[in-house]
């Protein structure tokens, strides 16, 4: 099993430094749910379909990680979401792979 290191700051400002497996076909939203980083029912409401923005987060890295390109569904959802910033991404659209080792994100506020 290969693990990567992630730093996730929750909506209250609490930092979680976690190890996430790359061999379980998970995305960032699922990791946040597994580690109970957000209150139950506050993240992944749509089940990871890029339809609710409850897993919106702000990527803090400058160049250290390689994120997948933003797809049309993610762009459409973010165009309708609240508190969107230039570094906003949906956690459900970021697969947990070795390319995101060292990723640092902050969960966006709920609308």
Protein backbone atom coordinates (compact mmCIF):
# COMPACT_ATOMS: atom_id res chain seq x y z
CA UNK A 1 0.00 0.00 0.00
CA UNK A 2 1.28 3.46 -0.93
CA UNK A 3 0.24 6.40 1.19
CA UNK A 4 0.49 10.10 0.51
CA UNK A 5 0.57 13.01 2.93
CA UNK A 6 -2.28 15.55 2.89
CA UNK A 7 -2.88 18.68 4.95
CA UNK A 8 -6.54 19.62 5.26
CA UNK A 9 -7.84 22.56 7.26
CA UNK A 10 -11.49 22.24 8.27
CA UNK A 11 -14.11 24.97 8.41
CA UNK A 12 -13.18 25.83 12.00
CA UNK A 13 -9.51 26.27 11.14
CA UNK A 14 -8.33 22.94 12.60
CA UNK A 15 -5.44 21.40 10.63
CA UNK A 16 -5.46 17.67 9.88
CA UNK A 17 -2.22 16.11 8.69
CA UNK A 18 -3.18 12.71 7.34
CA UNK A 19 -1.87 9.79 5.37
CA UNK A 20 -4.20 8.64 2.59
CA UNK A 21 -3.94 5.42 0.57
CA UNK A 22 -3.44 5.68 -3.17
CA UNK A 23 -4.56 2.12 -3.87
CA UNK A 24 -8.24 2.40 -2.87
CA UNK A 25 -9.54 4.50 -5.80
CA UNK A 26 -10.69 7.30 -3.47
CA UNK A 27 -11.06 11.01 -4.10
CA UNK A 28 -10.24 13.87 -1.73
CA UNK A 29 -13.89 14.25 -0.62
CA UNK A 30 -14.06 10.57 0.35
CA UNK A 31 -10.84 10.90 2.36
CA UNK A 32 -12.27 13.92 4.19
CA UNK A 33 -15.40 11.91 5.01
CA UNK A 34 -13.39 8.87 6.12
CA UNK A 35 -11.35 11.02 8.52
CA UNK A 36 -14.50 12.87 9.68
CA UNK A 37 -12.98 16.24 8.83
CA UNK A 38 -16.42 17.81 8.37
CA UNK A 39 -19.59 17.27 10.38
CA UNK A 40 -21.69 14.35 9.17
CA UNK A 41 -23.87 15.54 6.31
CA UNK A 42 -21.78 18.63 5.56
CA UNK A 43 -19.59 17.19 2.83
CA UNK A 44 -20.27 14.97 -0.16
CA UNK A 45 -24.00 15.60 -0.15
CA UNK A 46 -24.30 14.67 -3.84
CA UNK A 47 -22.16 11.57 -3.43
CA UNK A 48 -19.24 12.92 -5.42
CA UNK A 49 -21.05 13.81 -8.64
CA UNK A 50 -19.86 17.48 -8.78
CA UNK A 51 -23.43 18.65 -8.18
CA UNK A 52 -23.41 20.34 -4.77
CA UNK A 53 -20.05 22.04 -4.01
CA UNK A 54 -20.20 20.86 -0.37
CA UNK A 55 -16.63 19.59 -0.81
CA UNK A 56 -15.30 22.86 -2.28
CA UNK A 57 -11.84 23.56 -1.02
CA UNK A 58 -9.08 26.07 -1.64
CA UNK A 59 -5.81 24.61 -2.88
CA UNK A 60 -2.92 26.20 -0.99
CA UNK A 61 -0.01 24.70 -2.97
CA UNK A 62 1.74 26.78 -5.56
CA UNK A 63 3.45 24.18 -7.77
CA UNK A 64 4.32 21.13 -5.68
CA UNK A 65 1.38 18.90 -6.69
CA UNK A 66 -0.11 17.98 -10.04
CA UNK A 67 -3.90 18.24 -9.97
CA UNK A 68 -6.09 16.87 -12.73
CA UNK A 69 -7.54 19.42 -15.14
CA UNK A 70 -10.89 20.80 -14.13
CA UNK A 71 -13.70 19.16 -16.09
CA UNK A 72 -16.83 20.81 -17.46
CA UNK A 73 -19.03 19.53 -14.61
CA UNK A 74 -16.68 20.91 -11.97
CA UNK A 75 -16.42 24.27 -13.74
CA UNK A 76 -20.21 24.47 -14.04
CA UNK A 77 -20.75 23.70 -10.35
CA UNK A 78 -18.13 26.19 -9.21
CA UNK A 79 -19.69 28.87 -11.43
CA UNK A 80 -22.85 28.56 -9.30
CA UNK A 81 -21.26 27.98 -5.88
CA UNK A 82 -20.72 30.48 -3.07
CA UNK A 83 -17.31 31.64 -1.78
CA UNK A 84 -15.51 30.60 -4.98
CA UNK A 85 -11.90 31.74 -5.34
CA UNK A 86 -9.39 31.30 -8.18
CA UNK A 87 -7.87 28.33 -6.29
CA UNK A 88 -11.24 26.60 -5.66
CA UNK A 89 -11.64 22.93 -6.54
CA UNK A 90 -14.19 20.25 -5.70
CA UNK A 91 -12.65 17.55 -3.54
CA UNK A 92 -14.77 14.90 -5.26
CA UNK A 93 -12.97 15.66 -8.52
CA UNK A 94 -9.45 15.17 -7.15
CA UNK A 95 -8.44 11.51 -7.17
CA UNK A 96 -6.03 10.39 -4.45
CA UNK A 97 -2.90 9.51 -6.41
CA UNK A 98 0.82 9.86 -5.81
CA UNK A 99 0.71 13.07 -7.92
CA UNK A 100 -1.10 14.96 -5.14
CA UNK A 101 1.33 13.98 -2.37
CA UNK A 102 1.77 17.04 -0.18
CA UNK A 103 -1.53 18.65 -1.19
CA UNK A 104 -2.69 21.39 1.18
CA UNK A 105 -6.32 22.47 1.13
CA UNK A 106 -8.72 24.53 3.22
CA UNK A 107 -12.41 23.65 3.19
CA UNK A 108 -14.59 26.47 1.88
CA UNK A 109 -17.37 27.82 4.13
CA UNK A 110 -20.84 26.36 3.72
CA UNK A 111 -23.36 28.55 1.92
